[in-house]
Amino acid sequence: MLGDLAGVEKHYTRKEQVLFPYLERHGFVGPSKVMWGKHDEVRGLLRRARQELEGGAGALSTGYLREVLEPLLAEVEGMISKEENI
């Protein structure tokens, strides 16, 4: 499952290297700063999810699902929704 989310990081990097500079050249600095911050939050959640799995956290344990995966998926879904609707 976490391997499937690796594409998210690739997508965010592409936005940061292509879209954000374009927006900033045209005077739209605020949106890219906000999105970059959200990207960093998702990256942090992904890092935590990987670390906990590697550290022996049960992939199906209630705590792991509730405290790690649910917030991660909520953030990714939120960003997808923003990208599609804004």
N, C-alpha and C. Protein backbone atom coordinates (compact mmCIF):
# COMPACT_ATOMS: atom_id res chain seq x y z
N MET A 1 0.81 -1.19 0.00
CA MET A 1 0.00 0.00 0.00
C MET A 1 0.86 1.27 0.00
N LEU A 2 1.85 1.32 0.88
CA LEU A 2 2.71 2.51 0.91
C LEU A 2 3.48 2.68 -0.38
N GLY A 3 3.81 1.56 -1.02
CA GLY A 3 4.49 1.62 -2.29
C GLY A 3 3.65 2.32 -3.34
N ASP A 4 2.33 2.14 -3.25
CA ASP A 4 1.42 2.80 -4.19
C ASP A 4 1.45 4.32 -4.01
N LEU A 5 1.75 4.77 -2.81
CA LEU A 5 1.77 6.21 -2.53
C LEU A 5 3.08 6.88 -2.94
N ALA A 6 4.04 6.10 -3.41
CA ALA A 6 5.31 6.68 -3.86
C ALA A 6 5.07 7.63 -5.02
N GLY A 7 4.06 7.38 -5.82
CA GLY A 7 3.72 8.26 -6.93
C GLY A 7 3.31 9.65 -6.47
N VAL A 8 2.81 9.74 -5.25
CA VAL A 8 2.41 11.04 -4.70
C VAL A 8 3.63 11.94 -4.57
N GLU A 9 4.71 11.40 -4.04
CA GLU A 9 5.92 12.20 -3.89
C GLU A 9 6.45 12.67 -5.26
N LYS A 10 6.40 11.79 -6.23
CA LYS A 10 6.85 12.13 -7.58
C LYS A 10 5.97 13.26 -8.15
N HIS A 11 4.68 13.15 -7.95
CA HIS A 11 3.74 14.16 -8.43
C HIS A 11 4.02 15.51 -7.76
N TYR A 12 4.23 15.49 -6.44
CA TYR A 12 4.50 16.73 -5.71
C TYR A 12 5.79 17.38 -6.19
N THR A 13 6.81 16.57 -6.41
CA THR A 13 8.09 17.10 -6.89
C THR A 13 7.92 17.75 -8.25
N ARG A 14 7.16 17.12 -9.11
CA ARG A 14 6.92 17.69 -10.44
C ARG A 14 6.20 19.04 -10.33
N LYS A 15 5.19 19.12 -9.46
CA LYS A 15 4.49 20.39 -9.26
C LYS A 15 5.44 21.47 -8.75
N GLU A 16 6.29 21.08 -7.81
CA GLU A 16 7.22 22.05 -7.20
C GLU A 16 8.26 22.55 -8.20
N GLN A 17 8.65 21.70 -9.13
CA GLN A 17 9.69 22.08 -10.08
C GLN A 17 9.15 22.73 -11.35
N VAL A 18 7.90 22.44 -11.70
CA VAL A 18 7.34 22.96 -12.95
C VAL A 18 6.26 24.01 -12.70
N LEU A 19 5.24 23.64 -11.95
CA LEU A 19 4.09 24.52 -11.76
C LEU A 19 4.40 25.72 -10.86
N PHE A 20 5.01 25.47 -9.72
CA PHE A 20 5.24 26.55 -8.76
C PHE A 20 6.10 27.67 -9.33
N PRO A 21 7.22 27.37 -10.01
CA PRO A 21 8.00 28.47 -10.59
C PRO A 21 7.19 29.27 -11.62
N TYR A 22 6.35 28.59 -12.38
CA TYR A 22 5.51 29.28 -13.36
C TYR A 22 4.55 30.23 -12.65
N LEU A 23 3.87 29.74 -11.62
CA LEU A 23 2.95 30.59 -10.86
C LEU A 23 3.67 31.80 -10.26
N GLU A 24 4.84 31.54 -9.68
CA GLU A 24 5.59 32.61 -9.01
C GLU A 24 6.08 33.66 -10.00
N ARG A 25 6.48 33.24 -11.21
CA ARG A 25 6.89 34.20 -12.25
C ARG A 25 5.75 35.13 -12.63
N HIS A 26 4.54 34.66 -12.45
CA HIS A 26 3.37 35.45 -12.81
C HIS A 26 2.70 36.08 -11.58
N GLY A 27 3.43 36.15 -10.47
CA GLY A 27 2.96 36.87 -9.30
C GLY A 27 2.07 36.10 -8.35
N PHE A 28 1.89 34.81 -8.56
CA PHE A 28 1.06 34.00 -7.66
C PHE A 28 1.97 33.22 -6.71
N VAL A 29 2.36 33.86 -5.63
CA VAL A 29 3.30 33.26 -4.69
C VAL A 29 2.58 32.49 -3.59
N GLY A 30 1.47 33.02 -3.12
CA GLY A 30 0.74 32.43 -2.00
C GLY A 30 0.31 30.99 -2.21
N PRO A 31 -0.35 30.68 -3.34
CA PRO A 31 -0.80 29.30 -3.53
C PRO A 31 0.32 28.27 -3.49
N SER A 32 1.45 28.60 -4.10
CA SER A 32 2.53 27.61 -4.11
C SER A 32 3.12 27.43 -2.71
N LYS A 33 3.18 28.50 -1.92
CA LYS A 33 3.69 28.36 -0.55
C LYS A 33 2.77 27.45 0.28
N VAL A 34 1.47 27.64 0.13
CA VAL A 34 0.52 26.81 0.87
C VAL A 34 0.61 25.36 0.42
N MET A 35 0.64 25.15 -0.90
CA MET A 35 0.71 23.77 -1.41
C MET A 35 2.01 23.10 -1.00
N TRP A 36 3.11 23.85 -1.03
CA TRP A 36 4.40 23.28 -0.64
C TRP A 36 4.34 22.81 0.82
N GLY A 37 3.71 23.60 1.65
CA GLY A 37 3.55 23.22 3.05
C GLY A 37 2.73 21.94 3.20
N LYS A 38 1.66 21.83 2.43
CA LYS A 38 0.84 20.61 2.47
C LYS A 38 1.63 19.42 1.95
N HIS A 39 2.43 19.64 0.92
CA HIS A 39 3.27 18.55 0.40
C HIS A 39 4.21 18.05 1.50
N ASP A 40 4.81 18.99 2.22
CA ASP A 40 5.73 18.62 3.29
C ASP A 40 5.03 17.84 4.40
N GLU A 41 3.78 18.22 4.69
CA GLU A 41 3.00 17.47 5.70
C GLU A 41 2.79 16.03 5.24
N VAL A 42 2.41 15.85 3.98
CA VAL A 42 2.17 14.51 3.45
C VAL A 42 3.47 13.71 3.45
N ARG A 43 4.55 14.34 3.06
CA ARG A 43 5.84 13.64 3.07
C ARG A 43 6.20 13.18 4.49
N GLY A 44 5.93 14.03 5.46
CA GLY A 44 6.19 13.66 6.86
C GLY A 44 5.34 12.48 7.29
N LEU A 45 4.07 12.47 6.90
CA LEU A 45 3.19 11.36 7.23
C LEU A 45 3.65 10.08 6.54
N LEU A 46 4.07 10.19 5.29
CA LEU A 46 4.60 9.02 4.58
C LEU A 46 5.84 8.47 5.26
N ARG A 47 6.73 9.37 5.65
CA ARG A 47 7.96 8.97 6.34
C ARG A 47 7.63 8.24 7.64
N ARG A 48 6.68 8.78 8.40
CA ARG A 48 6.28 8.16 9.67
C ARG A 48 5.67 6.78 9.41
N ALA A 49 4.84 6.66 8.39
CA ALA A 49 4.21 5.38 8.08
C ALA A 49 5.27 4.33 7.75
N ARG A 50 6.25 4.72 6.95
CA ARG A 50 7.33 3.79 6.59
C ARG A 50 8.16 3.40 7.81
N GLN A 51 8.51 4.39 8.62
CA GLN A 51 9.34 4.13 9.80
C GLN A 51 8.63 3.19 10.77
N GLU A 52 7.35 3.40 10.97
CA GLU A 52 6.63 2.55 11.91
C GLU A 52 6.50 1.12 11.39
N LEU A 53 6.31 0.97 10.08
CA LEU A 53 6.27 -0.39 9.53
C LEU A 53 7.62 -1.07 9.65
N GLU A 54 8.68 -0.33 9.34
CA GLU A 54 10.03 -0.89 9.43
C GLU A 54 10.40 -1.19 10.88
N GLY A 55 9.85 -0.43 11.80
CA GLY A 55 10.13 -0.62 13.22
C GLY A 55 9.31 -1.71 13.86
N GLY A 56 8.46 -2.36 13.07
CA GLY A 56 7.70 -3.49 13.59
C GLY A 56 6.26 -3.19 13.92
N ALA A 57 5.77 -2.02 13.61
CA ALA A 57 4.35 -1.72 13.85
C ALA A 57 3.51 -2.64 12.97
N GLY A 58 2.49 -3.22 13.55
CA GLY A 58 1.62 -4.09 12.77
C GLY A 58 0.84 -3.30 11.74
N ALA A 59 0.92 -3.71 10.49
CA ALA A 59 0.26 -2.98 9.42
C ALA A 59 -1.25 -2.92 9.60
N LEU A 60 -1.79 -3.88 10.32
CA LEU A 60 -3.23 -3.90 10.51
C LEU A 60 -3.63 -3.53 11.93
N SER A 61 -2.70 -3.08 12.73
CA SER A 61 -3.07 -2.71 14.09
C SER A 61 -3.96 -1.48 14.06
N THR A 62 -4.88 -1.43 14.99
CA THR A 62 -5.83 -0.31 15.04
C THR A 62 -5.11 1.02 15.22
N GLY A 63 -4.11 1.07 16.08
CA GLY A 63 -3.37 2.31 16.32
C GLY A 63 -2.67 2.80 15.06
N TYR A 64 -2.04 1.89 14.34
CA TYR A 64 -1.33 2.27 13.11
C TYR A 64 -2.31 2.80 12.08
N LEU A 65 -3.41 2.11 11.93
CA LEU A 65 -4.41 2.55 10.95
C LEU A 65 -4.99 3.90 11.32
N ARG A 66 -5.36 4.07 12.59
CA ARG A 66 -6.03 5.30 13.03
C ARG A 66 -5.08 6.48 13.12
N GLU A 67 -3.90 6.25 13.66
CA GLU A 67 -2.98 7.35 13.94
C GLU A 67 -2.03 7.69 12.79
N VAL A 68 -1.81 6.75 11.90
CA VAL A 68 -0.83 6.97 10.84
C VAL A 68 -1.49 6.98 9.46
N LEU A 69 -2.15 5.89 9.11
CA LEU A 69 -2.67 5.78 7.75
C LEU A 69 -3.88 6.67 7.48
N GLU A 70 -4.80 6.75 8.42
CA GLU A 70 -5.98 7.59 8.18
C GLU A 70 -5.62 9.06 7.94
N PRO A 71 -4.76 9.67 8.78
CA PRO A 71 -4.37 11.06 8.49
C PRO A 71 -3.63 11.20 7.16
N LEU A 72 -2.78 10.24 6.84
CA LEU A 72 -2.05 10.27 5.57
C LEU A 72 -3.01 10.25 4.40
N LEU A 73 -3.93 9.30 4.41
CA LEU A 73 -4.88 9.20 3.29
C LEU A 73 -5.80 10.41 3.22
N ALA A 74 -6.18 10.95 4.36
CA ALA A 74 -7.04 12.14 4.37
C ALA A 74 -6.31 13.32 3.73
N GLU A 75 -5.03 13.50 4.03
CA GLU A 75 -4.25 14.59 3.44
C GLU A 75 -4.08 14.41 1.94
N VAL A 76 -3.80 13.18 1.51
CA VAL A 76 -3.62 12.92 0.08
C VAL A 76 -4.94 13.16 -0.65
N GLU A 77 -6.04 12.66 -0.10
CA GLU A 77 -7.35 12.87 -0.72
C GLU A 77 -7.70 14.35 -0.76
N GLY A 78 -7.37 15.08 0.30
CA GLY A 78 -7.64 16.51 0.33
C GLY A 78 -6.89 17.26 -0.74
N MET A 79 -5.62 16.89 -0.96
CA MET A 79 -4.83 17.55 -1.98
C MET A 79 -5.37 17.21 -3.37
N ILE A 80 -5.77 15.98 -3.59
CA ILE A 80 -6.34 15.60 -4.88
C ILE A 80 -7.59 16.42 -5.14
N SER A 81 -8.42 16.55 -4.14
CA SER A 81 -9.65 17.33 -4.28
C SER A 81 -9.35 18.80 -4.62
N LYS A 82 -8.38 19.37 -3.93
CA LYS A 82 -7.99 20.76 -4.20
C LYS A 82 -7.46 20.93 -5.62
N GLU A 83 -6.61 19.99 -6.04
CA GLU A 83 -6.05 20.06 -7.39
C GLU A 83 -7.13 19.98 -8.45
N GLU A 84 -8.14 19.16 -8.22
CA GLU A 84 -9.18 18.98 -9.21
C GLU A 84 -10.19 20.12 -9.22
N ASN A 85 -10.37 20.79 -8.08
CA ASN A 85 -11.44 21.77 -7.97
C ASN A 85 -11.01 23.22 -7.94
N ILE A 86 -9.73 23.48 -7.79
CA ILE A 86 -9.30 24.88 -7.69
C ILE A 86 -8.65 25.30 -9.00
